[in-house]
C-alpha atoms as a PDB file:
ATOM      1  CA  UNK A   1       6.210 -34.572 -72.352  1.00  0.00           C
ATOM      2  CA  UNK A   2       7.188 -32.162 -75.137  1.00  0.00           C
ATOM      3  CA  UNK A   3       3.729 -30.617 -75.325  1.00  0.00           C
ATOM      4  CA  UNK A   4       2.859 -32.037 -78.749  1.00  0.00           C
ATOM      5  CA  UNK A   5      -0.840 -31.981 -77.902  1.00  0.00           C
ATOM      6  CA  UNK A   6      -2.108 -32.324 -81.482  1.00  0.00           C
ATOM      7  CA  UNK A   7      -0.109 -35.409 -82.449  1.00  0.00           C
ATOM      8  CA  UNK A   8      -0.817 -39.148 -82.351  1.00  0.00           C
ATOM      9  CA  UNK A   9       1.695 -41.611 -83.776  1.00  0.00           C
ATOM     10  CA  UNK A  10       0.208 -44.968 -84.803  1.00  0.00           C
ATOM     11  CA  UNK A  11       3.458 -46.529 -86.114  1.00  0.00           C
ATOM     12  CA  UNK A  12       7.229 -45.840 -86.131  1.00  0.00           C
ATOM     13  CA  UNK A  13       7.434 -45.182 -89.904  1.00  0.00           C
ATOM     14  CA  UNK A  14       5.028 -42.329 -90.531  1.00  0.00           C
ATOM     15  CA  UNK A  15       3.240 -44.292 -93.229  1.00  0.00           C
ATOM     16  CA  UNK A  16      -0.416 -43.425 -93.524  1.00  0.00           C
ATOM     17  CA  UNK A  17      -2.835 -44.579 -90.871  1.00  0.00           C
ATOM     18  CA  UNK A  18      -6.285 -43.120 -90.306  1.00  0.00           C
ATOM     19  CA  UNK A  19      -5.437 -42.553 -86.609  1.00  0.00           C
ATOM     20  CA  UNK A  20      -2.009 -40.998 -87.258  1.00  0.00           C
ATOM     21  CA  UNK A  21      -1.921 -37.219 -87.299  1.00  0.00           C
ATOM     22  CA  UNK A  22       0.372 -34.334 -86.325  1.00  0.00           C
ATOM     23  CA  UNK A  23       0.163 -30.545 -86.547  1.00  0.00           C
ATOM     24  CA  UNK A  24       2.943 -28.572 -88.236  1.00  0.00           C
ATOM     25  CA  UNK A  25       3.686 -26.797 -84.957  1.00  0.00           C
ATOM     26  CA  UNK A  26       4.044 -30.133 -83.148  1.00  0.00           C
ATOM     27  CA  UNK A  27       6.527 -31.334 -85.759  1.00  0.00           C
ATOM     28  CA  UNK A  28       8.529 -28.121 -85.241  1.00  0.00           C
ATOM     29  CA  UNK A  29       8.542 -28.826 -81.486  1.00  0.00           C
ATOM     30  CA  UNK A  30       9.885 -32.325 -82.134  1.00  0.00           C
ATOM     31  CA  UNK A  31      12.520 -30.965 -84.524  1.00  0.00           C
ATOM     32  CA  UNK A  32      13.672 -28.326 -82.012  1.00  0.00           C
ATOM     33  CA  UNK A  33      13.988 -30.985 -79.326  1.00  0.00           C
ATOM     34  CA  UNK A  34      15.860 -33.403 -81.618  1.00  0.00           C
ATOM     35  CA  UNK A  35      18.376 -30.709 -82.607  1.00  0.00           C
ATOM     36  CA  UNK A  36      19.601 -30.806 -79.015  1.00  0.00           C
ATOM     37  CA  UNK A  37      21.187 -34.153 -79.950  1.00  0.00           C
ATOM     38  CA  UNK A  38      24.548 -33.421 -81.599  1.00  0.00           C
ATOM     39  CA  UNK A  39      24.550 -36.647 -83.626  1.00  0.00           C
ATOM     40  CA  UNK A  40      21.106 -35.907 -85.029  1.00  0.00           C
ATOM     41  CA  UNK A  41      22.138 -32.337 -85.968  1.00  0.00           C
ATOM     42  CA  UNK A  42      25.318 -33.677 -87.634  1.00  0.00           C
ATOM     43  CA  UNK A  43      23.340 -36.191 -89.724  1.00  0.00           C
ATOM     44  CA  UNK A  44      20.973 -33.445 -90.952  1.00  0.00           C
ATOM     45  CA  UNK A  45      23.960 -31.261 -91.891  1.00  0.00           C
ATOM     46  CA  UNK A  46      25.576 -34.044 -93.953  1.00  0.00           C
ATOM     47  CA  UNK A  47      24.752 -33.960 -97.734  1.00  0.00           C
ATOM     48  CA  UNK A  48      25.938 -37.537 -98.250  1.00  0.00           C
ATOM     49  CA  UNK A  49      27.613 -40.384 -96.351  1.00  0.00           C
ATOM     50  CA  UNK A  50      29.425 -43.525 -97.502  1.00  0.00           C
ATOM     51  CA  UNK A  51      29.296 -46.544 -95.239  1.00  0.00           C
ATOM     52  CA  UNK A  52      32.039 -49.097 -94.703  1.00  0.00           C
ATOM     53  CA  UNK A  53      32.109 -52.323 -96.807  1.00  0.00           C
ATOM     54  CA  UNK A  54      28.850 -54.252 -96.867  1.00  0.00           C
ATOM     55  CA  UNK A  55      28.078 -57.734 -98.205  1.00  0.00           C
ATOM     56  CA  UNK A  56      25.881 -56.132-100.852  1.00  0.00           C
ATOM     57  CA  UNK A  57      28.272 -53.214-101.475  1.00  0.00           C
ATOM     58  CA  UNK A  58      31.946 -54.093-100.989  1.00  0.00           C
ATOM     59  CA  UNK A  59      32.975 -50.462-101.600  1.00  0.00           C
ATOM     60  CA  UNK A  60      30.355 -49.186 -99.186  1.00  0.00           C
ATOM     61  CA  UNK A  61      26.925 -47.718 -99.743  1.00  0.00           C
ATOM     62  CA  UNK A  62      26.559 -43.961-100.397  1.00  0.00           C
ATOM     63  CA  UNK A  63      23.484 -42.465 -98.758  1.00  0.00           C
ATOM     64  CA  UNK A  64      22.444 -39.071-100.173  1.00  0.00           C
ATOM     65  CA  UNK A  65      20.285 -36.407 -98.550  1.00  0.00           C
ATOM     66  CA  UNK A  66      16.935 -35.818-100.233  1.00  0.00           C
ATOM     67  CA  UNK A  67      17.143 -32.043 -99.792  1.00  0.00           C
ATOM     68  CA  UNK A  68      20.802 -30.907 -99.815  1.00  0.00           C
ATOM     69  CA  UNK A  69      21.429 -31.634-103.539  1.00  0.00           C
ATOM     70  CA  UNK A  70      18.804 -29.041-104.559  1.00  0.00           C
ATOM     71  CA  UNK A  71      19.603 -26.319-101.982  1.00  0.00           C
ATOM     72  CA  UNK A  72      22.367 -23.717-102.378  1.00  0.00           C
ATOM     73  CA  UNK A  73      23.945 -25.627-105.282  1.00  0.00           C
ATOM     74  CA  UNK A  74      23.905 -22.777-107.770  1.00  0.00           C
ATOM     75  CA  UNK A  75      21.708 -22.445-110.885  1.00  0.00           C
ATOM     76  CA  UNK A  76      18.616 -24.589-110.858  1.00  0.00           C
ATOM     77  CA  UNK A  77      18.692 -25.071-107.069  1.00  0.00           C
ATOM     78  CA  UNK A  78      16.808 -23.245-104.358  1.00  0.00           C
ATOM     79  CA  UNK A  79      18.547 -20.563-102.285  1.00  0.00           C
ATOM     80  CA  UNK A  80      18.137 -20.830 -98.519  1.00  0.00           C
ATOM     81  CA  UNK A  81      20.613 -18.602 -96.632  1.00  0.00           C
ATOM     82  CA  UNK A  82      22.184 -20.297 -93.634  1.00  0.00           C
ATOM     83  CA  UNK A  83      20.560 -23.661 -94.376  1.00  0.00           C
ATOM     84  CA  UNK A  84      21.633 -26.253 -91.773  1.00  0.00           C
ATOM     85  CA  UNK A  85      19.758 -29.345 -92.942  1.00  0.00           C
ATOM     86  CA  UNK A  86      16.376 -30.995 -93.047  1.00  0.00           C
ATOM     87  CA  UNK A  87      14.357 -34.189 -93.344  1.00  0.00           C
ATOM     88  CA  UNK A  88      11.894 -34.799 -96.157  1.00  0.00           C
ATOM     89  CA  UNK A  89       8.861 -37.041 -96.055  1.00  0.00           C
ATOM     90  CA  UNK A  90       6.065 -38.194 -98.341  1.00  0.00           C
ATOM     91  CA  UNK A  91       2.773 -40.038 -98.322  1.00  0.00           C
ATOM     92  CA  UNK A  92       0.032 -39.630-100.951  1.00  0.00           C
ATOM     93  CA  UNK A  93      -2.228 -38.175 -98.285  1.00  0.00           C
ATOM     94  CA  UNK A  94       0.302 -35.688 -96.808  1.00  0.00           C
ATOM     95  CA  UNK A  95       2.095 -34.800-100.034  1.00  0.00           C
ATOM     96  CA  UNK A  96       5.717 -33.678-100.102  1.00  0.00           C
ATOM     97  CA  UNK A  97       6.883 -32.495 -96.643  1.00  0.00           C
ATOM     98  CA  UNK A  98      10.052 -30.983 -95.219  1.00  0.00           C
ATOM     99  CA  UNK A  99      11.133 -30.093 -91.677  1.00  0.00           C
ATOM    100  CA  UNK A 100      14.318 -28.033 -91.709  1.00  0.00           C
ATOM    101  CA  UNK A 101      16.289 -25.375 -89.881  1.00  0.00           C
ATOM    102  CA  UNK A 102      18.487 -22.435 -90.886  1.00  0.00           C
ATOM    103  CA  UNK A 103      20.372 -19.626 -89.166  1.00  0.00           C
ATOM    104  CA  UNK A 104      21.348 -16.129 -90.284  1.00  0.00           C
ATOM    105  CA  UNK A 105      22.632 -13.183 -88.219  1.00  0.00           C
ATOM    106  CA  UNK A 106      21.991 -15.056 -84.936  1.00  0.00           C
ATOM    107  CA  UNK A 107      18.397 -15.837 -85.974  1.00  0.00           C
ATOM    108  CA  UNK A 108      17.650 -19.559 -85.810  1.00  0.00           C
ATOM    109  CA  UNK A 109      14.486 -20.755 -87.516  1.00  0.00           C
ATOM    110  CA  UNK A 110      12.766 -24.143 -87.641  1.00  0.00           C
ATOM    111  CA  UNK A 111      10.301 -24.513 -90.519  1.00  0.00           C
ATOM    112  CA  UNK A 112       7.784 -27.167 -91.561  1.00  0.00           C
ATOM    113  CA  UNK A 113       6.340 -27.184 -95.095  1.00  0.00           C
ATOM    114  CA  UNK A 114       3.856 -29.793 -96.272  1.00  0.00           C
ATOM    115  CA  UNK A 115       1.098 -30.680 -98.717  1.00  0.00           C
ATOM    116  CA  UNK A 116       3.247 -30.001-101.800  1.00  0.00           C
ATOM    117  CA  UNK A 117       3.993 -31.797-105.043  1.00  0.00           C
ATOM    118  CA  UNK A 118       7.295 -32.381-106.860  1.00  0.00           C
ATOM    119  CA  UNK A 119       9.846 -30.007-105.215  1.00  0.00           C
ATOM    120  CA  UNK A 120       7.183 -27.662-103.878  1.00  0.00           C
ATOM    121  CA  UNK A 121       8.048 -28.436-100.237  1.00  0.00           C
ATOM    122  CA  UNK A 122      11.615 -27.169-100.797  1.00  0.00           C
ATOM    123  CA  UNK A 123      10.535 -24.231-102.960  1.00  0.00           C
ATOM    124  CA  UNK A 124       8.059 -23.189-100.255  1.00  0.00           C
ATOM    125  CA  UNK A 125      10.826 -23.392 -97.657  1.00  0.00           C
ATOM    126  CA  UNK A 126      13.093 -21.213 -99.811  1.00  0.00           C
ATOM    127  CA  UNK A 127      10.330 -18.615-100.238  1.00  0.00           C
ATOM    128  CA  UNK A 128       9.542 -18.464 -96.494  1.00  0.00           C
ATOM    129  CA  UNK A 129      13.151 -18.452 -95.258  1.00  0.00           C
ATOM    130  CA  UNK A 130      14.143 -15.662 -97.649  1.00  0.00           C
ATOM    131  CA  UNK A 131      11.043 -13.627 -96.805  1.00  0.00           C
ATOM    132  CA  UNK A 132      11.780 -13.977 -93.097  1.00  0.00           C
ATOM    133  CA  UNK A 133      15.495 -13.200 -93.237  1.00  0.00           C
ATOM    134  CA  UNK A 134      14.894 -10.210 -95.528  1.00  0.00           C
ATOM    135  CA  UNK A 135      12.373  -8.627 -93.182  1.00  0.00           C
ATOM    136  CA  UNK A 136      13.421  -9.725 -89.683  1.00  0.00           C
ATOM    137  CA  UNK A 137      16.523  -9.262 -87.533  1.00  0.00           C
ATOM    138  CA  UNK A 138      17.669 -10.246 -84.044  1.00  0.00           C
ATOM    139  CA  UNK A 139      17.087  -7.253 -81.779  1.00  0.00           C
ATOM    140  CA  UNK A 140      18.160  -6.600 -78.202  1.00  0.00           C
ATOM    141  CA  UNK A 141      15.040  -5.039 -76.712  1.00  0.00           C
ATOM    142  CA  UNK A 142      16.454  -4.485 -73.225  1.00  0.00           C
ATOM    143  CA  UNK A 143      19.872  -4.814 -71.572  1.00  0.00           C
ATOM    144  CA  UNK A 144      20.142  -6.232 -68.055  1.00  0.00           C
ATOM    145  CA  UNK A 145      20.929  -3.401 -65.636  1.00  0.00           C
ATOM    146  CA  UNK A 146      19.748  -0.591 -67.912  1.00  0.00           C
ATOM    147  CA  UNK A 147      17.813   2.229 -66.236  1.00  0.00           C
ATOM    148  CA  UNK A 148      14.036   1.998 -66.469  1.00  0.00           C
ATOM    149  CA  UNK A 149      12.574   4.561 -64.058  1.00  0.00           C
ATOM    150  CA  UNK A 150      13.377   6.815 -61.081  1.00  0.00           C
ATOM    151  CA  UNK A 151      11.335   5.992 -57.949  1.00  0.00           C
ATOM    152  CA  UNK A 152      11.200   7.997 -54.699  1.00  0.00           C
ATOM    153  CA  UNK A 153      10.631   6.193 -51.392  1.00  0.00           C
ATOM    154  CA  UNK A 154       8.533   8.387 -49.082  1.00  0.00           C
ATOM    155  CA  UNK A 155       9.079   8.466 -45.308  1.00  0.00           C
ATOM    156  CA  UNK A 156      12.396   6.662 -45.610  1.00  0.00           C
ATOM    157  CA  UNK A 157      15.511   8.347 -44.244  1.00  0.00           C
ATOM    158  CA  UNK A 158      16.562  11.159 -46.595  1.00  0.00           C
ATOM    159  CA  UNK A 159      13.665  10.242 -48.943  1.00  0.00           C
ATOM    160  CA  UNK A 160      15.929   8.138 -51.193  1.00  0.00           C
ATOM    161  CA  UNK A 161      15.347   8.059 -54.918  1.00  0.00           C
ATOM    162  CA  UNK A 162      16.551   4.883 -56.577  1.00  0.00           C
ATOM    163  CA  UNK A 163      16.831   3.819 -60.203  1.00  0.00           C
ATOM    164  CA  UNK A 164      14.710   0.826 -61.183  1.00  0.00           C
ATOM    165  CA  UNK A 165      16.836  -1.343 -63.466  1.00  0.00           C
ATOM    166  CA  UNK A 166      16.058  -3.985 -66.074  1.00  0.00           C
ATOM    167  CA  UNK A 167      16.199  -7.454 -64.468  1.00  0.00           C
ATOM    168  CA  UNK A 168      17.314  -9.284 -67.615  1.00  0.00           C
ATOM    169  CA  UNK A 169      18.461  -8.973 -71.214  1.00  0.00           C
ATOM    170  CA  UNK A 170      15.673  -9.575 -73.731  1.00  0.00           C
ATOM    171  CA  UNK A 171      16.485 -10.475 -77.349  1.00  0.00           C
ATOM    172  CA  UNK A 172      13.941 -11.359 -80.003  1.00  0.00           C
ATOM    173  CA  UNK A 173      13.522 -11.771 -83.765  1.00  0.00           C
ATOM    174  CA  UNK A 174      11.334  -8.896 -84.949  1.00  0.00           C
ATOM    175  CA  UNK A 175      10.643  -6.939 -88.143  1.00  0.00           C
ATOM    176  CA  UNK A 176      13.633  -4.755 -88.984  1.00  0.00           C
ATOM    177  CA  UNK A 177      11.519  -1.572 -88.907  1.00  0.00           C
ATOM    178  CA  UNK A 178       9.566  -2.477 -85.759  1.00  0.00           C
ATOM    179  CA  UNK A 179       9.039   0.358 -83.257  1.00  0.00           C
ATOM    180  CA  UNK A 180      10.073  -0.933 -79.824  1.00  0.00           C
ATOM    181  CA  UNK A 181       8.690   0.508 -76.580  1.00  0.00           C
ATOM    182  CA  UNK A 182       9.713  -0.498 -73.046  1.00  0.00           C
ATOM    183  CA  UNK A 183       6.900   0.383 -70.625  1.00  0.00           C
ATOM    184  CA  UNK A 184       6.803   0.141 -66.822  1.00  0.00           C
ATOM    185  CA  UNK A 185       3.598   0.011 -64.803  1.00  0.00           C
ATOM    186  CA  UNK A 186       5.233   1.110 -61.543  1.00  0.00           C
ATOM    187  CA  UNK A 187       4.332   4.112 -59.325  1.00  0.00           C
ATOM    188  CA  UNK A 188       6.712   7.089 -59.246  1.00  0.00           C
ATOM    189  CA  UNK A 189       6.669   7.008 -55.432  1.00  0.00           C
ATOM    190  CA  UNK A 190       6.621   4.209 -52.872  1.00  0.00           C
ATOM    191  CA  UNK A 191       5.704   4.319 -49.189  1.00  0.00           C
ATOM    192  CA  UNK A 192       8.317   3.071 -46.733  1.00  0.00           C
ATOM    193  CA  UNK A 193       8.995   0.481 -45.506  1.00  0.00           C
ATOM    194  CA  UNK A 194      10.046  -1.312 -48.685  1.00  0.00           C
ATOM    195  CA  UNK A 195      11.633  -4.758 -48.485  1.00  0.00           C
ATOM    196  CA  UNK A 196      13.985  -6.273 -51.042  1.00  0.00           C
ATOM    197  CA  UNK A 197      11.921  -8.682 -53.147  1.00  0.00           C
ATOM    198  CA  UNK A 198       8.663  -6.715 -52.827  1.00  0.00           C
ATOM    199  CA  UNK A 199       6.655  -6.694 -56.056  1.00  0.00           C
ATOM    200  CA  UNK A 200       6.732  -3.208 -57.576  1.00  0.00           C
ATOM    201  CA  UNK A 201       4.819  -3.599 -60.846  1.00  0.00           C
ATOM    202  CA  UNK A 202       4.953  -4.916 -64.387  1.00  0.00           C
ATOM    203  CA  UNK A 203       7.387  -4.414 -67.246  1.00  0.00           C
ATOM    204  CA  UNK A 204       5.965  -4.627 -70.775  1.00  0.00           C
ATOM    205  CA  UNK A 205       7.770  -4.481 -74.116  1.00  0.00           C
ATOM    206  CA  UNK A 206       5.790  -3.819 -77.291  1.00  0.00           C
ATOM    207  CA  UNK A 207       6.720  -4.002 -80.967  1.00  0.00           C
ATOM    208  CA  UNK A 208       4.509  -1.863 -83.212  1.00  0.00           C
ATOM    209  CA  UNK A 209       2.017  -1.739 -80.342  1.00  0.00           C
ATOM    210  CA  UNK A 210       1.852  -5.511 -79.887  1.00  0.00           C
ATOM    211  CA  UNK A 211       2.923  -7.017 -76.551  1.00  0.00           C
ATOM    212  CA  UNK A 212       5.994  -9.231 -77.078  1.00  0.00           C
ATOM    213  CA  UNK A 213       7.408  -9.515 -73.531  1.00  0.00           C
ATOM    214  CA  UNK A 214       6.096  -9.110 -69.982  1.00  0.00           C
ATOM    215  CA  UNK A 215       7.582  -9.736 -66.539  1.00  0.00           C
ATOM    216  CA  UNK A 216       7.144  -8.730 -62.893  1.00  0.00           C
ATOM    217  CA  UNK A 217       9.511  -6.143 -61.362  1.00  0.00           C
ATOM    218  CA  UNK A 218      10.800  -6.492 -57.786  1.00  0.00           C
ATOM    219  CA  UNK A 219      12.601  -4.181 -55.346  1.00  0.00           C
ATOM    220  CA  UNK A 220      16.344  -4.803 -55.246  1.00  0.00           C
ATOM    221  CA  UNK A 221      16.973  -3.115 -51.851  1.00  0.00           C
ATOM    222  CA  UNK A 222      15.203  -2.432 -48.539  1.00  0.00           C
ATOM    223  CA  UNK A 223      14.244   1.023 -47.193  1.00  0.00           C
ATOM    224  CA  UNK A 224      13.270   1.557 -43.538  1.00  0.00           C
ATOM    225  CA  UNK A 225      10.489   3.822 -42.277  1.00  0.00           C
ATOM    226  CA  UNK A 226      11.501   7.074 -40.481  1.00  0.00           C
ATOM    227  CA  UNK A 227       9.004   8.862 -38.222  1.00  0.00           C
ATOM    228  CA  UNK A 228      10.994  12.110 -38.440  1.00  0.00           C
ATOM    229  CA  UNK A 229      10.888  12.040 -42.246  1.00  0.00           C
ATOM    230  CA  UNK A 230       7.161  11.276 -42.133  1.00  0.00           C
ATOM    231  CA  UNK A 231       6.460  14.440 -40.064  1.00  0.00           C
ATOM    232  CA  UNK A 232       8.716  16.540 -42.296  1.00  0.00           C
ATOM    233  CA  UNK A 233       6.956  15.232 -45.401  1.00  0.00           C
ATOM    234  CA  UNK A 234       3.525  15.950 -43.913  1.00  0.00           C
ATOM    235  CA  UNK A 235       4.513  19.559 -43.185  1.00  0.00           C
ATOM    236  CA  UNK A 236       5.946  19.940 -46.679  1.00  0.00           C
ATOM    237  CA  UNK A 237       2.811  18.448 -48.267  1.00  0.00           C
ATOM    238  CA  UNK A 238       0.532  20.768 -46.266  1.00  0.00           C
ATOM    239  CA  UNK A 239       2.588  23.789 -47.322  1.00  0.00           C
ATOM    240  CA  UNK A 240       2.359  22.722 -50.956  1.00  0.00           C
ATOM    241  CA  UNK A 241      -1.416  22.238 -50.827  1.00  0.00           C
ATOM    242  CA  UNK A 242      -2.264  25.244 -48.617  1.00  0.00           C
ATOM    243  CA  UNK A 243       0.546  27.840 -48.767  1.00  0.00           C
ATOM    244  CA  UNK A 244      -1.597  30.630 -47.246  1.00  0.00           C
ATOM    245  CA  UNK A 245      -2.940  28.502 -44.400  1.00  0.00           C
ATOM    246  CA  UNK A 246       0.562  27.220 -43.766  1.00  0.00           C
ATOM    247  CA  UNK A 247       1.903  30.698 -43.019  1.00  0.00           C
ATOM    248  CA  UNK A 248      -0.999  31.718 -40.718  1.00  0.00           C
ATOM    249  CA  UNK A 249       0.345  29.701 -37.742  1.00  0.00           C
ATOM    250  CA  UNK A 250       3.934  29.880 -38.917  1.00  0.00           C
ATOM    251  CA  UNK A 251       4.213  33.704 -38.829  1.00  0.00           C
ATOM    252  CA  UNK A 252       3.246  33.969 -35.120  1.00  0.00           C
ATOM    253  CA  UNK A 253       5.643  31.140 -34.359  1.00  0.00           C
ATOM    254  CA  UNK A 254       8.415  32.968 -36.194  1.00  0.00           C
ATOM    255  CA  UNK A 255       7.573  36.192 -34.303  1.00  0.00           C
ATOM    256  CA  UNK A 256       7.612  34.346 -30.977  1.00  0.00           C
ATOM    257  CA  UNK A 257      10.913  32.695 -31.838  1.00  0.00           C
ATOM    258  CA  UNK A 258      12.310  36.058 -32.921  1.00  0.00           C
ATOM    259  CA  UNK A 259      11.171  37.624 -29.637  1.00  0.00           C
ATOM    260  CA  UNK A 260      12.710  34.755 -27.645  1.00  0.00           C
ATOM    261  CA  UNK A 261      15.985  35.161 -29.513  1.00  0.00           C
ATOM    262  CA  UNK A 262      16.029  38.920 -28.827  1.00  0.00           C
ATOM    263  CA  UNK A 263      15.081  38.347 -25.181  1.00  0.00           C
ATOM    264  CA  UNK A 264      17.823  35.751 -24.713  1.00  0.00           C
ATOM    265  CA  UNK A 265      20.380  38.032 -26.348  1.00  0.00           C
ATOM    266  CA  UNK A 266      19.212  40.874 -24.073  1.00  0.00           C
ATOM    267  CA  UNK A 267      19.589  38.686 -20.995  1.00  0.00           C
ATOM    268  CA  UNK A 268      23.072  37.612 -22.116  1.00  0.00           C
ATOM    269  CA  UNK A 269      24.174  41.227 -22.573  1.00  0.00           C
ATOM    270  CA  UNK A 270      22.637  42.152 -19.196  1.00  0.00           C
ATOM    271  CA  UNK A 271      24.471  39.329 -17.476  1.00  0.00           C
ATOM    272  CA  UNK A 272      27.751  40.458 -19.078  1.00  0.00           C
ATOM    273  CA  UNK A 273      27.200  44.013 -17.813  1.00  0.00           C
ATOM    274  CA  UNK A 274      26.575  42.707 -14.306  1.00  0.00           C
ATOM    275  CA  UNK A 275      29.797  40.706 -14.407  1.00  0.00           C
ATOM    276  CA  UNK A 276      31.769  43.700 -15.639  1.00  0.00           C
ATOM    277  CA  UNK A 277      30.300  45.924 -12.874  1.00  0.00           C
ATOM    278  CA  UNK A 278      31.015  43.312 -10.225  1.00  0.00           C
ATOM    279  CA  UNK A 279      34.584  42.952 -11.462  1.00  0.00           C
ATOM    280  CA  UNK A 280      35.010  46.750 -11.448  1.00  0.00           C
ATOM    281  CA  UNK A 281      33.759  46.979  -7.814  1.00  0.00           C
ATOM    282  CA  UNK A 282      36.196  44.269  -6.728  1.00  0.00           C
ATOM    283  CA  UNK A 283      39.105  46.111  -8.339  1.00  0.00           C
ATOM    284  CA  UNK A 284      38.070  49.404  -6.678  1.00  0.00           C
ATOM    285  CA  UNK A 285      37.839  47.747  -3.247  1.00  0.00           C
ATOM    286  CA  UNK A 286      41.341  46.262  -3.622  1.00  0.00           C
ATOM    287  CA  UNK A 287      42.802  49.662  -4.457  1.00  0.00           C
ATOM    288  CA  UNK A 288      41.018  51.232  -1.488  1.00  0.00           C
ATOM    289  CA  UNK A 289      42.447  48.633   0.894  1.00  0.00           C
ATOM    290  CA  UNK A 290      45.935  49.036  -0.469  1.00  0.00           C
END
């Protein structure tokens, strides 16, 4: 159920059995899952514990961690920044083993070391933790709602241009000097109609050229098709591609429109003159009668 595909437990103790095996990654999966149990995490974080009175130990029995006494205890111990606890193990075949976890600057790390002798499993852990925390940091690669790209929707009313925004916040542990790039594989223009939820393209985030995050981008809003805007856009596109050809039919049209405007203005002035003359005749006739 956890996806520990390279593990087979033959007994509940971990003692050697020819059919018992587990990969280091599988043990880290098990450790990560177990840390979700608060009691388990508290036990790992406890250097020592004294029980209540027992028949064999009236004052209680003190149980001591096999790793805490030699970690972060000053001179002669191993330094592991942010150490939160671990569980050691040993068989002659597997050597000295340790599964542990530590956290520094929001970076949480689960580590499995194995195949060592003496305190080598703890020394190896110290070397790896310090190497990691010295060179890596928790980085926010993308903030939810941040602008990614401007996209124009063609043939929609007023040809709207909208800002494609990041759908989520992405944080990751990466080398401190890593060069981060946020890339969108989305066209600069879309053809209306566009429906909210339509797939627009892919978002990719790289660190030093290596892909570290990928997700699909979707339209947040809908944009309806406009026949009027389609015709206007076609005329504009033709003018852009063929400016000379565009003006060949346009100039006569402009001349015809100009002529019609002049003709209409002439007819309006003529009609006004007729009205003035008719009004003048009426006034003259009234005077004559009087």
